[in-house]
Amino acid sequence: MNKTRLEAFSDGVLAIIVTIMVLELKVPHGARWADLQPLLPVFTSYVLSFVLVIIYWGNHHHLMHAAQKVNANIILANAHLLFWLSLVPFTTGWMGENEFGPDTVALYAINLLLCGAAYFILQKTIERSFKADGELVEGLNKHSKKGVVSQVIYLLAIPAAYVHPLIAGILFAITAAMWIVPARELEKAIEK
């Protein structure tokens, strides 16, 4: 299979995910600034999730460039990632609608943990599917290490949600900051 089909499908699914999330922002019935106040938790959860989905989109783009071609294993691993990402609007909505209650934040952290695990599986599937040059392997290994750190942070966010949801939110923001610049290590390796 041509990898452009897989990339186009993935881009479409991610665009739908972002669209579904924004639909959770309901227009208030008042015309004053104060009428926006009840939307703050929903808007905050949307911004966090939007940033995280866009980070996945950018890194997915770079990861797909590392693949020389697409096979059945890569297609399945990609579908696995898209499945967990497709649940982000649900966990985002539940968290925002319930003002970051501990259970909602813990489920959001679990969802992000599963997204991260699925991304790691996709990366390893791509690595095993072709023989990469030394620089590309090194770039993918650096990418993997950042992924492992993210997984540890998401694991810590689950109990942190019960200590105080803001602690888990800070952990989510730290993870997003780690990934905000998409895969420089892969960009450099792919360019060479």
N, C-alpha and C. Protein backbone atom coordinates (compact mmCIF):
# COMPACT_ATOMS: atom_id res chain seq x y z
N MET A 1 0.84 -1.18 0.00
CA MET A 1 0.00 0.00 0.00
C MET A 1 0.88 1.24 0.00
N ASN A 2 0.42 2.23 -0.70
CA ASN A 2 1.10 3.51 -0.73
C ASN A 2 0.90 4.22 0.60
N LYS A 3 1.97 4.73 1.19
CA LYS A 3 1.83 5.34 2.51
C LYS A 3 1.05 6.65 2.48
N THR A 4 0.89 7.27 1.31
CA THR A 4 0.10 8.50 1.24
C THR A 4 -1.36 8.25 1.57
N ARG A 5 -1.87 7.08 1.22
CA ARG A 5 -3.26 6.74 1.57
C ARG A 5 -3.41 6.66 3.08
N LEU A 6 -2.46 6.03 3.74
CA LEU A 6 -2.50 5.91 5.20
C LEU A 6 -2.39 7.28 5.85
N GLU A 7 -1.50 8.12 5.33
CA GLU A 7 -1.35 9.47 5.87
C GLU A 7 -2.62 10.29 5.67
N ALA A 8 -3.23 10.20 4.50
CA ALA A 8 -4.45 10.96 4.23
C ALA A 8 -5.59 10.50 5.13
N PHE A 9 -5.72 9.19 5.31
CA PHE A 9 -6.76 8.66 6.19
C PHE A 9 -6.53 9.14 7.62
N SER A 10 -5.30 9.05 8.09
CA SER A 10 -4.96 9.48 9.45
C SER A 10 -5.22 10.98 9.63
N ASP A 11 -4.83 11.77 8.64
CA ASP A 11 -5.09 13.22 8.71
C ASP A 11 -6.58 13.50 8.81
N GLY A 12 -7.38 12.76 8.04
CA GLY A 12 -8.83 12.94 8.07
C GLY A 12 -9.41 12.59 9.43
N VAL A 13 -8.96 11.48 10.01
CA VAL A 13 -9.47 11.08 11.33
C VAL A 13 -9.09 12.12 12.37
N LEU A 14 -7.85 12.60 12.33
CA LEU A 14 -7.42 13.61 13.31
C LEU A 14 -8.19 14.92 13.14
N ALA A 15 -8.50 15.29 11.90
CA ALA A 15 -9.30 16.51 11.67
C ALA A 15 -10.70 16.34 12.25
N ILE A 16 -11.26 15.16 12.11
CA ILE A 16 -12.59 14.91 12.68
C ILE A 16 -12.53 14.95 14.20
N ILE A 17 -11.49 14.40 14.79
CA ILE A 17 -11.34 14.43 16.25
C ILE A 17 -11.33 15.86 16.76
N VAL A 18 -10.55 16.73 16.12
CA VAL A 18 -10.50 18.14 16.53
C VAL A 18 -11.86 18.80 16.35
N THR A 19 -12.55 18.48 15.27
CA THR A 19 -13.87 19.06 15.01
C THR A 19 -14.87 18.63 16.08
N ILE A 20 -14.85 17.35 16.43
CA ILE A 20 -15.77 16.85 17.46
C ILE A 20 -15.51 17.57 18.79
N MET A 21 -14.24 17.77 19.11
CA MET A 21 -13.91 18.44 20.38
C MET A 21 -14.44 19.87 20.42
N VAL A 22 -14.31 20.59 19.32
CA VAL A 22 -14.75 21.98 19.33
C VAL A 22 -16.28 22.08 19.43
N LEU A 23 -16.98 21.05 19.00
CA LEU A 23 -18.44 21.06 19.09
C LEU A 23 -18.93 20.97 20.54
N GLU A 24 -18.04 20.59 21.45
CA GLU A 24 -18.39 20.56 22.88
C GLU A 24 -18.51 21.97 23.44
N LEU A 25 -17.94 22.96 22.75
CA LEU A 25 -18.03 24.35 23.21
C LEU A 25 -19.39 24.91 22.81
N LYS A 26 -20.31 24.94 23.76
CA LYS A 26 -21.66 25.42 23.49
C LYS A 26 -21.72 26.93 23.66
N VAL A 27 -22.43 27.60 22.78
CA VAL A 27 -22.58 29.05 22.84
C VAL A 27 -23.47 29.39 24.03
N PRO A 28 -23.03 30.32 24.90
CA PRO A 28 -23.85 30.69 26.05
C PRO A 28 -25.10 31.47 25.61
N HIS A 29 -26.11 31.46 26.46
CA HIS A 29 -27.37 32.14 26.14
C HIS A 29 -27.35 33.61 26.52
N GLY A 30 -26.29 34.08 27.11
CA GLY A 30 -26.18 35.49 27.46
C GLY A 30 -25.20 36.20 26.54
N ALA A 31 -25.24 37.54 26.59
CA ALA A 31 -24.37 38.34 25.72
C ALA A 31 -23.31 39.10 26.50
N ARG A 32 -23.04 38.67 27.72
CA ARG A 32 -22.06 39.36 28.55
C ARG A 32 -20.82 38.47 28.74
N TRP A 33 -19.70 39.13 29.03
CA TRP A 33 -18.46 38.38 29.26
C TRP A 33 -18.64 37.36 30.38
N ALA A 34 -19.41 37.73 31.40
CA ALA A 34 -19.63 36.84 32.54
C ALA A 34 -20.32 35.54 32.12
N ASP A 35 -21.07 35.58 31.03
CA ASP A 35 -21.77 34.38 30.56
C ASP A 35 -20.80 33.33 29.99
N LEU A 36 -19.58 33.74 29.72
CA LEU A 36 -18.56 32.81 29.23
C LEU A 36 -17.89 32.03 30.38
N GLN A 37 -18.00 32.56 31.59
CA GLN A 37 -17.32 31.95 32.75
C GLN A 37 -17.63 30.46 32.92
N PRO A 38 -18.89 30.02 32.81
CA PRO A 38 -19.14 28.58 32.97
C PRO A 38 -18.48 27.71 31.90
N LEU A 39 -18.10 28.32 30.78
CA LEU A 39 -17.44 27.56 29.71
C LEU A 39 -15.95 27.38 29.93
N LEU A 40 -15.38 28.04 30.93
CA LEU A 40 -13.94 28.01 31.14
C LEU A 40 -13.37 26.59 31.29
N PRO A 41 -13.97 25.71 32.11
CA PRO A 41 -13.42 24.35 32.19
C PRO A 41 -13.48 23.60 30.86
N VAL A 42 -14.57 23.75 30.13
CA VAL A 42 -14.72 23.08 28.83
C VAL A 42 -13.70 23.64 27.85
N PHE A 43 -13.53 24.96 27.83
CA PHE A 43 -12.57 25.59 26.93
C PHE A 43 -11.14 25.17 27.29
N THR A 44 -10.83 25.13 28.57
CA THR A 44 -9.49 24.73 29.01
C THR A 44 -9.18 23.30 28.59
N SER A 45 -10.13 22.39 28.79
CA SER A 45 -9.90 21.00 28.39
C SER A 45 -9.78 20.89 26.87
N TYR A 46 -10.54 21.71 26.14
CA TYR A 46 -10.44 21.71 24.68
C TYR A 46 -9.05 22.17 24.22
N VAL A 47 -8.55 23.26 24.80
CA VAL A 47 -7.24 23.78 24.41
C VAL A 47 -6.15 22.73 24.67
N LEU A 48 -6.20 22.12 25.86
CA LEU A 48 -5.21 21.09 26.19
C LEU A 48 -5.26 19.94 25.19
N SER A 49 -6.45 19.46 24.91
CA SER A 49 -6.59 18.32 23.99
C SER A 49 -6.26 18.71 22.55
N PHE A 50 -6.63 19.92 22.15
CA PHE A 50 -6.30 20.38 20.80
C PHE A 50 -4.78 20.36 20.61
N VAL A 51 -4.07 20.91 21.58
CA VAL A 51 -2.61 20.94 21.50
C VAL A 51 -2.05 19.52 21.42
N LEU A 52 -2.57 18.63 22.27
CA LEU A 52 -2.06 17.25 22.27
C LEU A 52 -2.36 16.53 20.95
N VAL A 53 -3.55 16.71 20.39
CA VAL A 53 -3.88 16.06 19.12
C VAL A 53 -3.02 16.62 17.99
N ILE A 54 -2.79 17.92 17.99
CA ILE A 54 -1.94 18.52 16.96
C ILE A 54 -0.50 18.03 17.10
N ILE A 55 -0.04 17.83 18.32
CA ILE A 55 1.30 17.27 18.54
C ILE A 55 1.37 15.86 17.95
N TYR A 56 0.35 15.06 18.21
CA TYR A 56 0.31 13.71 17.62
C TYR A 56 0.32 13.79 16.10
N TRP A 57 -0.45 14.72 15.55
CA TRP A 57 -0.52 14.88 14.10
C TRP A 57 0.87 15.19 13.52
N GLY A 58 1.57 16.14 14.12
CA GLY A 58 2.90 16.53 13.63
C GLY A 58 3.90 15.39 13.75
N ASN A 59 3.90 14.72 14.88
CA ASN A 59 4.84 13.62 15.07
C ASN A 59 4.49 12.42 14.21
N HIS A 60 3.21 12.19 14.00
CA HIS A 60 2.77 11.11 13.11
C HIS A 60 3.28 11.39 11.69
N HIS A 61 3.20 12.64 11.28
CA HIS A 61 3.68 13.04 9.96
C HIS A 61 5.17 12.68 9.80
N HIS A 62 5.97 13.04 10.80
CA HIS A 62 7.40 12.74 10.73
C HIS A 62 7.67 11.24 10.81
N LEU A 63 6.91 10.55 11.62
CA LEU A 63 7.09 9.11 11.74
C LEU A 63 6.77 8.41 10.42
N MET A 64 5.73 8.87 9.74
CA MET A 64 5.37 8.26 8.46
C MET A 64 6.45 8.53 7.40
N HIS A 65 7.14 9.66 7.49
CA HIS A 65 8.23 9.93 6.55
C HIS A 65 9.40 8.98 6.79
N ALA A 66 9.51 8.48 8.01
CA ALA A 66 10.58 7.53 8.30
C ALA A 66 10.29 6.16 7.68
N ALA A 67 9.02 5.89 7.43
CA ALA A 67 8.64 4.60 6.83
C ALA A 67 8.93 4.63 5.34
N GLN A 68 9.56 3.58 4.85
CA GLN A 68 9.82 3.50 3.42
C GLN A 68 8.58 3.08 2.65
N LYS A 69 7.77 2.23 3.29
CA LYS A 69 6.52 1.78 2.70
C LYS A 69 5.60 1.36 3.83
N VAL A 70 4.38 0.99 3.49
CA VAL A 70 3.39 0.60 4.49
C VAL A 70 3.02 -0.85 4.26
N ASN A 71 2.96 -1.62 5.35
CA ASN A 71 2.51 -3.00 5.25
C ASN A 71 1.34 -3.21 6.20
N ALA A 72 0.83 -4.42 6.27
CA ALA A 72 -0.35 -4.71 7.10
C ALA A 72 -0.10 -4.42 8.57
N ASN A 73 1.09 -4.72 9.06
CA ASN A 73 1.40 -4.45 10.47
C ASN A 73 1.37 -2.96 10.79
N ILE A 74 1.89 -2.15 9.89
CA ILE A 74 1.87 -0.70 10.10
C ILE A 74 0.44 -0.18 10.04
N ILE A 75 -0.36 -0.70 9.13
CA ILE A 75 -1.76 -0.28 9.03
C ILE A 75 -2.50 -0.59 10.33
N LEU A 76 -2.29 -1.80 10.87
CA LEU A 76 -2.96 -2.17 12.12
C LEU A 76 -2.46 -1.33 13.30
N ALA A 77 -1.17 -1.11 13.37
CA ALA A 77 -0.62 -0.29 14.46
C ALA A 77 -1.14 1.14 14.36
N ASN A 78 -1.27 1.65 13.14
CA ASN A 78 -1.80 3.00 12.94
C ASN A 78 -3.27 3.06 13.36
N ALA A 79 -4.04 2.04 13.00
CA ALA A 79 -5.46 1.99 13.39
C ALA A 79 -5.59 1.93 14.91
N HIS A 80 -4.69 1.21 15.56
CA HIS A 80 -4.68 1.14 17.02
C HIS A 80 -4.47 2.53 17.62
N LEU A 81 -3.52 3.28 17.09
CA LEU A 81 -3.30 4.65 17.56
C LEU A 81 -4.53 5.52 17.33
N LEU A 82 -5.11 5.44 16.14
CA LEU A 82 -6.28 6.26 15.83
C LEU A 82 -7.46 5.91 16.73
N PHE A 83 -7.59 4.65 17.11
CA PHE A 83 -8.67 4.26 18.02
C PHE A 83 -8.57 5.02 19.33
N TRP A 84 -7.38 4.98 19.96
CA TRP A 84 -7.23 5.65 21.26
C TRP A 84 -7.35 7.17 21.11
N LEU A 85 -6.83 7.71 20.02
CA LEU A 85 -6.98 9.16 19.80
C LEU A 85 -8.44 9.53 19.59
N SER A 86 -9.22 8.64 18.98
CA SER A 86 -10.64 8.95 18.74
C SER A 86 -11.44 9.04 20.03
N LEU A 87 -10.90 8.52 21.14
CA LEU A 87 -11.56 8.63 22.44
C LEU A 87 -11.23 9.93 23.16
N VAL A 88 -10.26 10.67 22.66
CA VAL A 88 -9.87 11.94 23.30
C VAL A 88 -11.05 12.93 23.38
N PRO A 89 -11.90 13.07 22.35
CA PRO A 89 -13.04 13.98 22.52
C PRO A 89 -13.97 13.59 23.68
N PHE A 90 -14.17 12.28 23.88
CA PHE A 90 -15.01 11.82 24.98
C PHE A 90 -14.39 12.17 26.33
N THR A 91 -13.11 11.81 26.52
CA THR A 91 -12.48 12.07 27.82
C THR A 91 -12.30 13.57 28.05
N THR A 92 -12.06 14.31 26.97
CA THR A 92 -11.95 15.77 27.07
C THR A 92 -13.28 16.37 27.50
N GLY A 93 -14.36 15.95 26.84
CA GLY A 93 -15.69 16.47 27.16
C GLY A 93 -16.10 16.13 28.58
N TRP A 94 -15.86 14.89 29.01
CA TRP A 94 -16.25 14.49 30.36
C TRP A 94 -15.48 15.30 31.40
N MET A 95 -14.20 15.50 31.14
CA MET A 95 -13.36 16.26 32.06
C MET A 95 -13.81 17.72 32.13
N GLY A 96 -14.05 18.33 30.98
CA GLY A 96 -14.44 19.74 30.96
C GLY A 96 -15.83 19.98 31.52
N GLU A 97 -16.77 19.12 31.17
CA GLU A 97 -18.16 19.28 31.65
C GLU A 97 -18.28 19.08 33.15
N ASN A 98 -17.35 18.36 33.74
CA ASN A 98 -17.40 18.06 35.17
C ASN A 98 -16.32 18.78 35.95
N GLU A 99 -15.85 19.88 35.38
CA GLU A 99 -14.91 20.80 36.03
C GLU A 99 -13.70 20.09 36.61
N PHE A 100 -13.12 19.19 35.82
CA PHE A 100 -11.88 18.52 36.17
C PHE A 100 -11.98 17.71 37.47
N GLY A 101 -13.09 17.00 37.61
CA GLY A 101 -13.22 16.09 38.75
C GLY A 101 -12.14 15.03 38.71
N PRO A 102 -11.72 14.52 39.87
CA PRO A 102 -10.60 13.57 39.91
C PRO A 102 -10.78 12.34 39.00
N ASP A 103 -11.97 11.75 39.00
CA ASP A 103 -12.19 10.57 38.14
C ASP A 103 -12.05 10.93 36.67
N THR A 104 -12.55 12.10 36.30
CA THR A 104 -12.50 12.50 34.89
C THR A 104 -11.06 12.77 34.45
N VAL A 105 -10.28 13.38 35.32
CA VAL A 105 -8.88 13.67 35.01
C VAL A 105 -8.07 12.37 34.95
N ALA A 106 -8.38 11.43 35.86
CA ALA A 106 -7.69 10.14 35.84
C ALA A 106 -7.99 9.38 34.54
N LEU A 107 -9.25 9.40 34.11
CA LEU A 107 -9.59 8.72 32.85
C LEU A 107 -8.90 9.39 31.67
N TYR A 108 -8.82 10.71 31.69
CA TYR A 108 -8.11 11.45 30.63
C TYR A 108 -6.65 11.01 30.60
N ALA A 109 -6.03 10.89 31.78
CA ALA A 109 -4.63 10.45 31.86
C ALA A 109 -4.49 9.02 31.32
N ILE A 110 -5.43 8.16 31.64
CA ILE A 110 -5.40 6.78 31.12
C ILE A 110 -5.51 6.80 29.60
N ASN A 111 -6.41 7.63 29.08
CA ASN A 111 -6.56 7.75 27.63
C ASN A 111 -5.25 8.21 26.98
N LEU A 112 -4.62 9.22 27.57
CA LEU A 112 -3.35 9.70 27.02
C LEU A 112 -2.25 8.65 27.14
N LEU A 113 -2.26 7.89 28.22
CA LEU A 113 -1.30 6.80 28.40
C LEU A 113 -1.46 5.77 27.28
N LEU A 114 -2.71 5.43 26.96
CA LEU A 114 -2.97 4.45 25.91
C LEU A 114 -2.64 5.01 24.52
N CYS A 115 -2.86 6.31 24.31
CA CYS A 115 -2.44 6.94 23.05
C CYS A 115 -0.93 6.87 22.90
N GLY A 116 -0.23 7.18 23.98
CA GLY A 116 1.23 7.13 23.95
C GLY A 116 1.76 5.72 23.71
N ALA A 117 1.14 4.73 24.34
CA ALA A 117 1.54 3.34 24.12
C ALA A 117 1.30 2.93 22.67
N ALA A 118 0.17 3.35 22.12
CA ALA A 118 -0.15 3.01 20.72
C ALA A 118 0.83 3.69 19.76
N TYR A 119 1.22 4.93 20.05
CA TYR A 119 2.20 5.62 19.22
C TYR A 119 3.54 4.88 19.27
N PHE A 120 3.94 4.45 20.46
CA PHE A 120 5.19 3.71 20.63
C PHE A 120 5.15 2.41 19.82
N ILE A 121 4.02 1.72 19.87
CA ILE A 121 3.86 0.47 19.10
C ILE A 121 3.97 0.76 17.61
N LEU A 122 3.33 1.85 17.15
CA LEU A 122 3.43 2.22 15.73
C LEU A 122 4.88 2.49 15.35
N GLN A 123 5.58 3.24 16.18
CA GLN A 123 6.98 3.54 15.89
C GLN A 123 7.82 2.28 15.81
N LYS A 124 7.65 1.39 16.78
CA LYS A 124 8.44 0.15 16.78
C LYS A 124 8.06 -0.74 15.59
N THR A 125 6.79 -0.72 15.19
CA THR A 125 6.36 -1.50 14.03
C THR A 125 7.02 -0.97 12.76
N ILE A 126 7.10 0.34 12.65
CA ILE A 126 7.77 0.96 11.50
C ILE A 126 9.26 0.60 11.51
N GLU A 127 9.88 0.69 12.67
CA GLU A 127 11.31 0.35 12.78
C GLU A 127 11.58 -1.08 12.35
N ARG A 128 10.72 -2.01 12.76
CA ARG A 128 10.92 -3.42 12.43
C ARG A 128 10.60 -3.73 10.97
N SER A 129 9.87 -2.85 10.31
CA SER A 129 9.41 -3.13 8.95
C SER A 129 10.43 -2.80 7.87
N PHE A 130 11.51 -2.15 8.23
CA PHE A 130 12.54 -1.84 7.23
C PHE A 130 13.88 -1.68 7.91
N LYS A 131 14.90 -1.79 7.13
CA LYS A 131 16.25 -1.58 7.64
C LYS A 131 16.61 -0.11 7.46
N ALA A 132 16.73 0.58 8.57
CA ALA A 132 17.04 2.01 8.50
C ALA A 132 18.55 2.21 8.62
N ASP A 133 18.99 3.37 8.12
CA ASP A 133 20.40 3.69 8.28
C ASP A 133 20.66 4.08 9.73
N GLY A 134 21.93 4.17 10.08
CA GLY A 134 22.32 4.43 11.46
C GLY A 134 21.75 5.72 12.03
N GLU A 135 21.77 6.79 11.22
CA GLU A 135 21.27 8.07 11.71
C GLU A 135 19.77 8.04 11.99
N LEU A 136 19.03 7.38 11.12
CA LEU A 136 17.58 7.28 11.31
C LEU A 136 17.27 6.43 12.54
N VAL A 137 17.99 5.36 12.73
CA VAL A 137 17.79 4.51 13.91
C VAL A 137 18.08 5.32 15.17
N GLU A 138 19.14 6.12 15.14
CA GLU A 138 19.49 6.95 16.29
C GLU A 138 18.38 7.97 16.57
N GLY A 139 17.85 8.58 15.51
CA GLY A 139 16.75 9.53 15.67
C GLY A 139 15.51 8.87 16.24
N LEU A 140 15.19 7.68 15.77
CA LEU A 140 14.03 6.95 16.29
C LEU A 140 14.24 6.55 17.75
N ASN A 141 15.47 6.20 18.11
CA ASN A 141 15.75 5.84 19.51
C ASN A 141 15.58 7.04 20.44
N LYS A 142 16.04 8.21 20.02
CA LYS A 142 15.84 9.42 20.83
C LYS A 142 14.35 9.71 20.97
N HIS A 143 13.63 9.52 19.89
CA HIS A 143 12.18 9.70 19.87
C HIS A 143 11.52 8.73 20.87
N SER A 144 12.00 7.50 20.90
CA SER A 144 11.45 6.48 21.82
C SER A 144 11.69 6.87 23.27
N LYS A 145 12.86 7.39 23.57
CA LYS A 145 13.18 7.77 24.95
C LYS A 145 12.24 8.86 25.44
N LYS A 146 11.94 9.81 24.58
CA LYS A 146 10.99 10.86 24.94
C LYS A 146 9.60 10.26 25.18
N GLY A 147 9.27 9.26 24.39
CA GLY A 147 7.99 8.57 24.56
C GLY A 147 7.90 7.84 25.88
N VAL A 148 8.97 7.22 26.31
CA VAL A 148 8.98 6.51 27.59
C VAL A 148 8.81 7.50 28.74
N VAL A 149 9.49 8.64 28.67
CA VAL A 149 9.34 9.67 29.70
C VAL A 149 7.88 10.14 29.74
N SER A 150 7.27 10.32 28.59
CA SER A 150 5.87 10.74 28.54
C SER A 150 4.97 9.71 29.21
N GLN A 151 5.22 8.44 28.96
CA GLN A 151 4.41 7.38 29.56
C GLN A 151 4.52 7.41 31.08
N VAL A 152 5.72 7.62 31.59
CA VAL A 152 5.91 7.70 33.04
C VAL A 152 5.13 8.90 33.60
N ILE A 153 5.18 10.02 32.90
CA ILE A 153 4.45 11.21 33.36
C ILE A 153 2.94 10.94 33.36
N TYR A 154 2.42 10.29 32.31
CA TYR A 154 0.99 9.97 32.27
C TYR A 154 0.61 9.01 33.39
N LEU A 155 1.49 8.05 33.69
CA LEU A 155 1.23 7.13 34.81
C LEU A 155 1.16 7.90 36.13
N LEU A 156 2.06 8.85 36.31
CA LEU A 156 2.05 9.66 37.53
C LEU A 156 0.81 10.55 37.61
N ALA A 157 0.29 10.96 36.46
CA ALA A 157 -0.88 11.84 36.44
C ALA A 157 -2.13 11.14 36.95
N ILE A 158 -2.19 9.82 36.85
CA ILE A 158 -3.40 9.11 37.30
C ILE A 158 -3.59 9.27 38.81
N PRO A 159 -2.61 8.89 39.65
CA PRO A 159 -2.83 9.12 41.09
C PRO A 159 -2.81 10.62 41.44
N ALA A 160 -2.07 11.41 40.67
CA ALA A 160 -2.02 12.85 40.94
C ALA A 160 -3.40 13.48 40.79
N ALA A 161 -4.23 12.94 39.91
CA ALA A 161 -5.58 13.47 39.71
C ALA A 161 -6.39 13.39 41.01
N TYR A 162 -6.08 12.41 41.85
CA TYR A 162 -6.81 12.24 43.11
C TYR A 162 -6.21 13.07 44.24
N VAL A 163 -4.93 13.43 44.09
CA VAL A 163 -4.32 14.34 45.06
C VAL A 163 -4.88 15.75 44.80
N HIS A 164 -4.72 16.20 43.57
CA HIS A 164 -5.32 17.45 43.10
C HIS A 164 -5.28 17.45 41.57
N PRO A 165 -6.42 17.63 40.93
CA PRO A 165 -6.45 17.58 39.46
C PRO A 165 -5.48 18.56 38.79
N LEU A 166 -5.20 19.68 39.45
CA LEU A 166 -4.27 20.65 38.87
C LEU A 166 -2.87 20.05 38.71
N ILE A 167 -2.47 19.20 39.63
CA ILE A 167 -1.16 18.55 39.52
C ILE A 167 -1.11 17.71 38.25
N ALA A 168 -2.17 16.95 38.01
CA ALA A 168 -2.24 16.15 36.78
C ALA A 168 -2.22 17.06 35.56
N GLY A 169 -2.94 18.17 35.63
CA GLY A 169 -2.95 19.13 34.51
C GLY A 169 -1.57 19.67 34.22
N ILE A 170 -0.81 19.95 35.26
CA ILE A 170 0.57 20.42 35.08
C ILE A 170 1.42 19.33 34.42
N LEU A 171 1.20 18.09 34.82
CA LEU A 171 1.94 16.98 34.20
C LEU A 171 1.58 16.84 32.72
N PHE A 172 0.29 17.04 32.37
CA PHE A 172 -0.11 17.01 30.96
C PHE A 172 0.59 18.12 30.18
N ALA A 173 0.66 19.31 30.80
CA ALA A 173 1.30 20.45 30.13
C ALA A 173 2.80 20.20 29.94
N ILE A 174 3.44 19.58 30.93
CA ILE A 174 4.87 19.27 30.80
C ILE A 174 5.09 18.32 29.63
N THR A 175 4.24 17.32 29.52
CA THR A 175 4.38 16.37 28.41
C THR A 175 4.18 17.06 27.07
N ALA A 176 3.16 17.91 27.00
CA ALA A 176 2.92 18.65 25.75
C ALA A 176 4.12 19.52 25.40
N ALA A 177 4.71 20.17 26.40
CA ALA A 177 5.88 21.02 26.15
C ALA A 177 7.05 20.21 25.61
N MET A 178 7.19 18.97 26.08
CA MET A 178 8.28 18.11 25.59
C MET A 178 8.13 17.79 24.10
N TRP A 179 6.89 17.74 23.63
CA TRP A 179 6.62 17.29 22.27
C TRP A 179 6.20 18.42 21.33
N ILE A 180 6.11 19.64 21.82
CA ILE A 180 5.53 20.73 21.02
C ILE A 180 6.28 20.95 19.70
N VAL A 181 7.59 20.76 19.71
CA VAL A 181 8.35 20.84 18.46
C VAL A 181 8.41 19.42 17.91
N PRO A 182 7.74 19.16 16.79
CA PRO A 182 7.64 17.79 16.31
C PRO A 182 8.97 17.17 15.88
N ALA A 183 9.35 16.14 16.53
CA ALA A 183 10.39 15.19 16.14
C ALA A 183 11.59 15.77 15.42
N ARG A 184 12.27 16.70 16.05
CA ARG A 184 13.47 17.28 15.43
C ARG A 184 14.49 16.21 15.12
N GLU A 185 14.59 15.24 16.04
CA GLU A 185 15.57 14.16 15.82
C GLU A 185 15.23 13.37 14.55
N LEU A 186 13.94 13.21 14.26
CA LEU A 186 13.55 12.52 13.04
C LEU A 186 13.73 13.41 11.83
N GLU A 187 13.39 14.69 11.96
CA GLU A 187 13.56 15.62 10.84
C GLU A 187 14.99 15.61 10.34
N LYS A 188 15.93 15.71 11.29
CA LYS A 188 17.35 15.76 10.90
C LYS A 188 17.78 14.47 10.23
N ALA A 189 17.36 13.34 10.78
CA ALA A 189 17.74 12.05 10.22
C ALA A 189 17.11 11.83 8.84
N ILE A 190 15.87 12.25 8.65
CA ILE A 190 15.19 12.07 7.37
C ILE A 190 15.80 12.96 6.29
N GLU A 191 16.18 14.19 6.68
CA GLU A 191 16.79 15.12 5.71
C GLU A 191 18.10 14.56 5.16
N LYS A 192 18.84 13.80 5.98
CA LYS A 192 20.14 13.27 5.53
C LYS A 192 19.88 11.98 4.82
